[in-house]
Amino acid sequence: MLIKKDVCIIIPTYNRPKDLEVTIKAIINRGNMPGKIVVLDQSKNDESKKMLSKYINENKFIQYRHFKVAGTNLSLNAGIDIVKKEKFKILCIMADDVEVLEGFLDKILREFNEHKEVMGVGSVQIGESFNYSTLKFKLKKIFLNFFLLPSEEDHKFRVSGPYGNTTTPDVKRDVRDCQWLPGFTTSHRIEIFDNYRIPDRIGYDVIEDIDIGYYTYRMYGKGSLVIPKDLRVYHHYSKVERYADRKRIFVNHEDHFAFYYRHFYNLTGTLKFIWEIFWIAILNIIRAFTRPKKDNFLKVVYLWQALSYCIKYREEIKRGKSRMFLNPDLSMNKEF
């Protein structure tokens, strides 16, 4: 029987002390104390460290680690190594802008204890209600599914291709056949990471949650990933340290190229990959001309630059190399 002491929560953070404090306070004050919390700080300053000091003094299960090289995945892998070394049984990865409610850990442990086939548990983002029966939703779903691009579906979290996945904006019933879990909070049995490692990258990553989830789904099969309808959290989606359009577009396409090589590098996957890229380009061009704003035209330019970069460096990306377009301080390399 798994208990709270078997859980380690790891929280990667980057220059968000105010958001992080909300996250930490919610865990402590709402009865969700795990065996350990490890804060993985990649900040350029010591504001998060100073904020955490009072909580660490009062709560000995909180551990702080600072990383000189900023990288979500780099810090996550270091955190996972800590969890494995200290023999925790459940790893919970939590974003630094999440606010959990009472009973959060109890509901996660319920899933793992009652369903031995469950290897990963996701949560529901509290937000506005959503109507899945409208004509607009149905037409948009058909349209985006045809192009194998990200879309919203009625209680499905599927991976349709190297670029394509579906999500459910308003979960009203348990989803017990997920192919990935949204990354703001995910919990996994630690044995998943015996033979799996998140791709090491500097800076922000857009697809680590899908990579972990899809690996788990392919390895353990149907029913291994679930999202209970009552495991609800607030995801405040902090605007601090979000990338500008050009950098974000480069990151997005490099990460999806890498995902293609890791999970879809076969004939069917390659055909899906080409199909998706073609329609991403076409739809971006259509948007630029139907909504003639400077930002939309610039996004088309950035898209072509990013795709050119990914094609040029495809062998490096295939081998796991990444972020050649970033300097160590995460600024864009002038060569790109």
Protein backbone atom coordinates (compact mmCIF):
# COMPACT_ATOMS: atom_id res chain seq x y z
CA MET A 1 0.00 0.00 0.00
CA LEU A 2 1.49 3.28 -1.14
CA ILE A 3 1.40 6.22 1.28
CA LYS A 4 2.33 9.90 1.06
CA LYS A 5 5.85 9.20 2.32
CA ASP A 6 6.41 7.17 -0.88
CA VAL A 7 5.90 10.28 -3.03
CA CYS A 8 8.55 12.79 -4.06
CA ILE A 9 7.41 16.00 -5.76
CA ILE A 10 9.93 17.73 -8.03
CA ILE A 11 9.32 21.30 -9.17
CA PRO A 12 11.47 22.86 -11.91
CA THR A 13 11.44 26.65 -11.73
CA TYR A 14 12.99 29.62 -13.50
CA ASN A 15 12.75 33.19 -12.18
CA ARG A 16 9.26 32.76 -10.73
CA PRO A 17 9.53 33.19 -6.94
CA LYS A 18 5.99 34.55 -6.53
CA ASP A 19 4.39 31.75 -8.54
CA LEU A 20 6.55 29.16 -6.80
CA GLU A 21 5.50 30.37 -3.36
CA VAL A 22 1.83 29.86 -4.24
CA THR A 23 2.68 26.31 -5.33
CA ILE A 24 4.66 25.49 -2.18
CA LYS A 25 2.10 27.02 0.20
CA ALA A 26 -0.74 25.05 -1.41
CA ILE A 27 1.13 21.76 -0.96
CA ILE A 28 1.95 22.46 2.69
CA ASN A 29 -1.22 24.17 3.86
CA ARG A 30 -3.67 21.77 2.23
CA GLY A 31 -2.43 18.53 3.72
CA ASN A 32 -0.41 17.27 0.76
CA MET A 33 2.94 16.73 2.48
CA PRO A 34 4.90 14.09 0.56
CA GLY A 35 8.05 12.26 1.57
CA LYS A 36 10.07 15.02 -0.09
CA ILE A 37 9.76 18.12 -2.26
CA VAL A 38 12.76 18.97 -4.44
CA VAL A 39 12.80 22.46 -5.95
CA LEU A 40 14.95 22.50 -9.10
CA ASP A 41 15.89 26.16 -9.47
CA GLN A 42 17.51 27.41 -12.67
CA SER A 43 17.02 31.11 -11.91
CA LYS A 44 19.57 33.78 -12.73
CA ASN A 45 19.14 35.32 -9.28
CA ASP A 46 18.63 34.10 -5.71
CA GLU A 47 15.08 35.41 -5.20
CA SER A 48 13.52 31.93 -5.27
CA LYS A 49 16.18 30.63 -2.88
CA LYS A 50 15.52 33.47 -0.42
CA MET A 51 11.77 32.94 -0.62
CA LEU A 52 12.15 29.21 0.01
CA SER A 53 14.48 29.55 2.99
CA LYS A 54 11.68 30.07 5.52
CA TYR A 55 9.73 27.11 4.19
CA ILE A 56 12.82 24.89 4.23
CA ASN A 57 13.55 25.87 7.85
CA GLU A 58 10.02 24.93 8.90
CA ASN A 59 9.65 21.86 6.65
CA LYS A 60 12.65 19.57 6.55
CA PHE A 61 11.20 17.53 3.67
CA ILE A 62 11.81 20.43 1.25
CA GLN A 63 15.14 20.29 -0.59
CA TYR A 64 16.62 23.02 -2.80
CA ARG A 65 18.91 22.49 -5.80
CA HIS A 66 20.32 25.24 -8.01
CA PHE A 67 21.50 24.71 -11.59
CA LYS A 68 23.93 27.06 -13.30
CA VAL A 69 22.75 25.93 -16.73
CA ALA A 70 19.05 26.66 -17.22
CA GLY A 71 17.18 23.73 -18.70
CA THR A 72 13.83 22.26 -17.69
CA ASN A 73 14.74 18.78 -18.85
CA LEU A 74 18.27 18.93 -17.43
CA SER A 75 16.86 19.76 -14.00
CA LEU A 76 14.08 17.18 -14.29
CA ASN A 77 16.57 14.42 -15.04
CA ALA A 78 18.64 15.48 -12.02
CA GLY A 79 15.48 15.40 -9.92
CA ILE A 80 14.54 11.96 -11.20
CA ASP A 81 18.01 10.72 -10.27
CA ILE A 82 17.42 11.94 -6.70
CA VAL A 83 14.05 10.17 -6.55
CA LYS A 84 15.58 6.90 -7.78
CA LYS A 85 18.59 7.13 -5.46
CA GLU A 86 16.41 7.75 -2.40
CA LYS A 87 14.06 4.93 -3.46
CA PHE A 88 10.78 6.83 -3.62
CA LYS A 89 8.08 4.84 -5.37
CA ILE A 90 6.05 7.67 -6.91
CA LEU A 91 7.46 10.67 -8.77
CA CYS A 92 5.24 13.75 -9.09
CA ILE A 93 6.40 16.40 -11.56
CA MET A 94 4.72 19.73 -10.80
CA ALA A 95 4.93 23.06 -12.65
CA ASP A 96 5.91 26.12 -10.63
CA ASP A 97 2.61 27.89 -11.39
CA VAL A 98 0.22 25.21 -10.09
CA GLU A 99 -1.99 25.39 -7.02
CA VAL A 100 -3.19 22.03 -5.69
CA LEU A 101 -6.28 21.46 -3.58
CA GLU A 102 -6.92 19.37 -0.48
CA GLY A 103 -6.77 15.64 -1.12
CA PHE A 104 -4.44 15.97 -4.12
CA LEU A 105 -1.99 13.27 -3.02
CA ASP A 106 -4.76 11.06 -1.60
CA LYS A 107 -6.46 10.90 -5.00
CA ILE A 108 -3.19 10.09 -6.78
CA LEU A 109 -2.39 7.31 -4.32
CA ARG A 110 -5.93 5.94 -4.65
CA GLU A 111 -5.36 5.41 -8.37
CA PHE A 112 -2.03 3.66 -7.89
CA ASN A 113 -3.27 1.49 -5.01
CA GLU A 114 -6.56 0.44 -6.57
CA HIS A 115 -5.31 -0.04 -10.15
CA LYS A 116 -2.02 -1.91 -10.44
CA GLU A 117 -2.00 -1.39 -14.21
CA VAL A 118 -1.87 2.41 -13.77
CA MET A 119 1.65 3.77 -14.32
CA GLY A 120 0.85 7.48 -14.61
CA VAL A 121 -1.81 9.83 -13.24
CA GLY A 122 -2.62 13.27 -14.63
CA SER A 123 -4.81 16.04 -13.28
CA VAL A 124 -7.63 18.30 -14.44
CA GLN A 125 -7.13 22.02 -14.95
CA ILE A 126 -9.88 24.02 -13.27
CA GLY A 127 -11.41 26.41 -15.77
CA GLU A 128 -14.50 27.35 -17.69
CA SER A 129 -17.03 24.71 -18.71
CA PHE A 130 -16.92 23.44 -22.29
CA ASN A 131 -19.71 22.24 -24.58
CA TYR A 132 -18.68 19.30 -26.77
CA SER A 133 -21.98 19.18 -28.68
CA THR A 134 -21.71 22.48 -30.56
CA LEU A 135 -21.38 22.51 -34.33
CA LYS A 136 -18.32 24.76 -34.09
CA PHE A 137 -16.50 22.22 -31.90
CA LYS A 138 -17.40 19.31 -34.16
CA LEU A 139 -16.31 21.07 -37.35
CA LYS A 140 -13.04 22.26 -35.80
CA LYS A 141 -12.34 18.74 -34.58
CA ILE A 142 -12.90 17.25 -38.06
CA PHE A 143 -10.77 19.97 -39.65
CA LEU A 144 -7.76 19.59 -37.33
CA ASN A 145 -7.97 15.79 -37.13
CA PHE A 146 -7.77 15.67 -40.93
CA PHE A 147 -4.47 17.56 -40.76
CA LEU A 148 -3.31 15.46 -37.73
CA LEU A 149 -2.70 18.69 -35.81
CA PRO A 150 -3.32 19.49 -32.12
CA SER A 151 -7.03 19.69 -31.36
CA GLU A 152 -9.61 19.37 -28.62
CA GLU A 153 -11.59 16.14 -28.27
CA ASP A 154 -14.35 14.85 -26.05
CA HIS A 155 -12.47 13.12 -23.20
CA LYS A 156 -9.49 11.90 -25.21
CA PHE A 157 -5.79 12.54 -24.81
CA ARG A 158 -4.33 10.96 -27.96
CA VAL A 159 -1.08 11.27 -29.86
CA SER A 160 -1.92 11.27 -33.56
CA GLY A 161 1.50 12.02 -35.00
CA PRO A 162 4.85 13.77 -34.45
CA TYR A 163 3.04 17.12 -34.23
CA GLY A 164 -0.48 16.01 -33.41
CA ASN A 165 -2.16 15.40 -30.09
CA THR A 166 -5.62 15.87 -28.66
CA THR A 167 -6.65 17.30 -25.32
CA THR A 168 -9.84 17.74 -23.30
CA PRO A 169 -10.42 21.26 -21.97
CA ASP A 170 -13.16 20.30 -19.49
CA VAL A 171 -12.89 16.82 -17.98
CA LYS A 172 -16.29 15.73 -16.66
CA ARG A 173 -15.60 12.00 -16.31
CA ASP A 174 -12.56 9.82 -15.72
CA VAL A 175 -10.32 9.41 -18.76
CA ARG A 176 -8.80 5.93 -18.42
CA ASP A 177 -7.09 5.44 -21.77
CA CYS A 178 -4.76 8.41 -22.19
CA GLN A 179 -1.76 8.33 -24.50
CA TRP A 180 -0.15 11.33 -22.76
CA LEU A 181 -0.74 13.50 -19.69
CA PRO A 182 -0.72 17.33 -19.55
CA GLY A 183 2.51 18.41 -17.91
CA PHE A 184 1.36 20.89 -15.26
CA THR A 185 1.12 17.97 -12.79
CA THR A 186 1.90 14.34 -13.59
CA SER A 187 2.65 11.44 -11.26
CA HIS A 188 4.38 8.21 -12.28
CA ARG A 189 5.60 4.99 -10.80
CA ILE A 190 9.35 5.41 -10.64
CA GLU A 191 10.09 2.17 -12.52
CA ILE A 192 9.07 3.93 -15.72
CA PHE A 193 12.40 5.75 -15.54
CA ASP A 194 14.53 2.60 -15.23
CA ASN A 195 15.04 2.59 -18.99
CA TYR A 196 13.80 6.04 -19.96
CA ARG A 197 15.38 9.47 -19.76
CA ILE A 198 13.86 12.80 -20.79
CA PRO A 199 15.88 14.34 -23.65
CA ASP A 200 18.53 16.63 -22.13
CA ARG A 201 18.02 20.18 -23.42
CA ILE A 202 18.85 23.67 -22.22
CA GLY A 203 16.08 26.20 -21.86
CA TYR A 204 12.36 25.62 -22.04
CA ASP A 205 10.85 22.46 -23.52
CA VAL A 206 7.41 22.18 -25.12
CA ILE A 207 6.94 18.44 -25.37
CA GLU A 208 8.51 16.64 -22.40
CA ASP A 209 5.07 15.75 -21.01
CA ILE A 210 4.00 14.16 -24.30
CA ASP A 211 7.35 12.36 -24.60
CA ILE A 212 7.09 10.83 -21.12
CA GLY A 213 3.44 9.96 -21.61
CA TYR A 214 3.73 8.44 -25.05
CA TYR A 215 6.73 6.36 -24.00
CA THR A 216 4.71 5.06 -21.03
CA TYR A 217 1.68 4.31 -23.20
CA ARG A 218 3.76 2.42 -25.77
CA MET A 219 5.62 0.50 -23.07
CA TYR A 220 2.72 -0.40 -20.75
CA GLY A 221 -0.31 -0.18 -23.01
CA LYS A 222 -3.96 0.78 -22.74
CA GLY A 223 -5.07 1.87 -19.29
CA SER A 224 -1.56 2.73 -18.07
CA LEU A 225 -2.26 6.49 -18.09
CA VAL A 226 -5.36 7.97 -16.46
CA ILE A 227 -6.85 11.33 -15.52
CA PRO A 228 -9.45 11.14 -12.72
CA LYS A 229 -12.19 13.72 -13.00
CA ASP A 230 -11.89 14.72 -9.33
CA LEU A 231 -8.12 15.34 -9.36
CA ARG A 232 -8.43 19.04 -10.01
CA VAL A 233 -5.81 21.81 -9.71
CA TYR A 234 -5.43 25.46 -10.61
CA HIS A 235 -2.87 26.04 -13.36
CA HIS A 236 -2.25 29.78 -13.29
CA TYR A 237 -0.09 29.70 -16.44
CA SER A 238 2.46 32.28 -15.41
CA LYS A 239 3.49 34.81 -18.04
CA VAL A 240 6.94 35.19 -16.49
CA GLU A 241 9.87 34.07 -18.68
CA ARG A 242 7.79 33.03 -21.69
CA TYR A 243 9.78 32.98 -24.93
CA ALA A 244 9.37 35.54 -27.69
CA ASP A 245 7.80 34.25 -30.91
CA ARG A 246 10.98 33.50 -32.86
CA LYS A 247 12.67 31.54 -30.09
CA ARG A 248 9.42 29.76 -29.20
CA ILE A 249 8.88 28.66 -32.81
CA PHE A 250 12.44 27.31 -33.10
CA VAL A 251 12.00 25.37 -29.84
CA ASN A 252 8.63 24.03 -30.90
CA HIS A 253 9.82 22.60 -34.20
CA GLU A 254 13.11 21.22 -32.93
CA ASP A 255 11.28 19.42 -30.12
CA HIS A 256 8.77 17.91 -32.55
CA PHE A 257 11.52 16.84 -34.94
CA ALA A 258 13.20 15.08 -32.00
CA PHE A 259 9.87 13.49 -31.00
CA TYR A 260 9.49 12.19 -34.56
CA TYR A 261 12.90 10.51 -34.44
CA ARG A 262 12.21 9.03 -30.99
CA HIS A 263 8.72 7.68 -31.59
CA PHE A 264 7.62 7.91 -35.23
CA TYR A 265 10.74 7.12 -37.24
CA ASN A 266 9.13 4.61 -39.61
CA LEU A 267 7.25 4.74 -42.92
CA THR A 268 3.82 5.53 -41.45
CA GLY A 269 5.27 8.04 -38.99
CA THR A 270 7.31 9.75 -41.72
CA LEU A 271 4.24 10.15 -43.93
CA LYS A 272 2.35 11.69 -41.01
CA PHE A 273 5.33 13.94 -40.28
CA ILE A 274 5.49 15.30 -43.86
CA TRP A 275 1.70 15.72 -43.96
CA GLU A 276 1.66 17.70 -40.71
CA ILE A 277 4.54 19.99 -41.66
CA PHE A 278 2.96 20.70 -45.06
CA TRP A 279 -0.33 21.79 -43.51
CA ILE A 280 1.35 23.76 -40.71
CA ALA A 281 3.09 25.80 -43.40
CA ILE A 282 -0.04 26.22 -45.52
CA LEU A 283 -2.26 27.19 -42.58
CA ASN A 284 0.29 29.74 -41.35
CA ILE A 285 0.44 31.34 -44.80
CA ILE A 286 -3.37 31.42 -45.01
CA ARG A 287 -3.56 33.08 -41.58
CA ALA A 288 -1.02 35.72 -42.62
CA PHE A 289 -3.06 36.73 -45.67
CA THR A 290 -6.52 36.47 -44.08
CA ARG A 291 -5.36 38.33 -40.97
CA PRO A 292 -2.75 40.71 -42.42
CA LYS A 293 -0.89 41.74 -39.30
CA LYS A 294 2.84 42.17 -38.97
CA ASP A 295 3.06 39.48 -36.28
CA ASN A 296 1.38 36.90 -38.50
CA PHE A 297 3.75 37.57 -41.40
CA LEU A 298 6.72 37.42 -39.05
CA LYS A 299 5.51 34.05 -37.74
CA VAL A 300 5.60 32.70 -41.29
CA VAL A 301 9.19 33.93 -41.64
CA TYR A 302 10.14 32.37 -38.29
CA LEU A 303 8.43 29.12 -39.28
CA TRP A 304 10.49 28.80 -42.46
CA GLN A 305 13.66 29.71 -40.59
CA ALA A 306 12.94 27.09 -37.93
CA LEU A 307 12.08 24.38 -40.45
CA SER A 308 15.21 25.18 -42.48
CA TYR A 309 17.28 24.89 -39.32
CA CYS A 310 15.68 21.56 -38.37
CA ILE A 311 16.18 20.10 -41.84
CA LYS A 312 19.79 21.29 -42.00
CA TYR A 313 20.61 19.84 -38.57
CA ARG A 314 18.32 16.79 -38.77
CA GLU A 315 21.15 14.30 -38.22
CA GLU A 316 22.26 16.14 -35.08
CA ILE A 317 18.67 16.26 -33.82
CA LYS A 318 18.29 12.56 -34.59
CA ARG A 319 21.33 11.83 -32.41
CA GLY A 320 19.81 13.81 -29.53
CA LYS A 321 21.69 17.08 -29.94
CA SER A 322 19.60 20.21 -29.48
CA ARG A 323 19.43 23.97 -29.03
CA MET A 324 22.27 24.78 -31.43
CA PHE A 325 20.36 28.03 -32.05
CA LEU A 326 20.71 29.13 -28.40
CA ASN A 327 23.65 30.64 -26.58
CA PRO A 328 24.42 29.42 -23.02
CA ASP A 329 22.50 32.43 -21.64
CA LEU A 330 19.47 31.28 -23.72
CA SER A 331 19.66 34.19 -26.15
CA MET A 332 19.35 33.40 -29.85
CA ASN A 333 22.62 32.57 -31.58
CA LYS A 334 23.27 35.21 -34.27
CA GLU A 335 24.12 32.45 -36.76
CA PHE A 336 20.43 31.60 -36.85
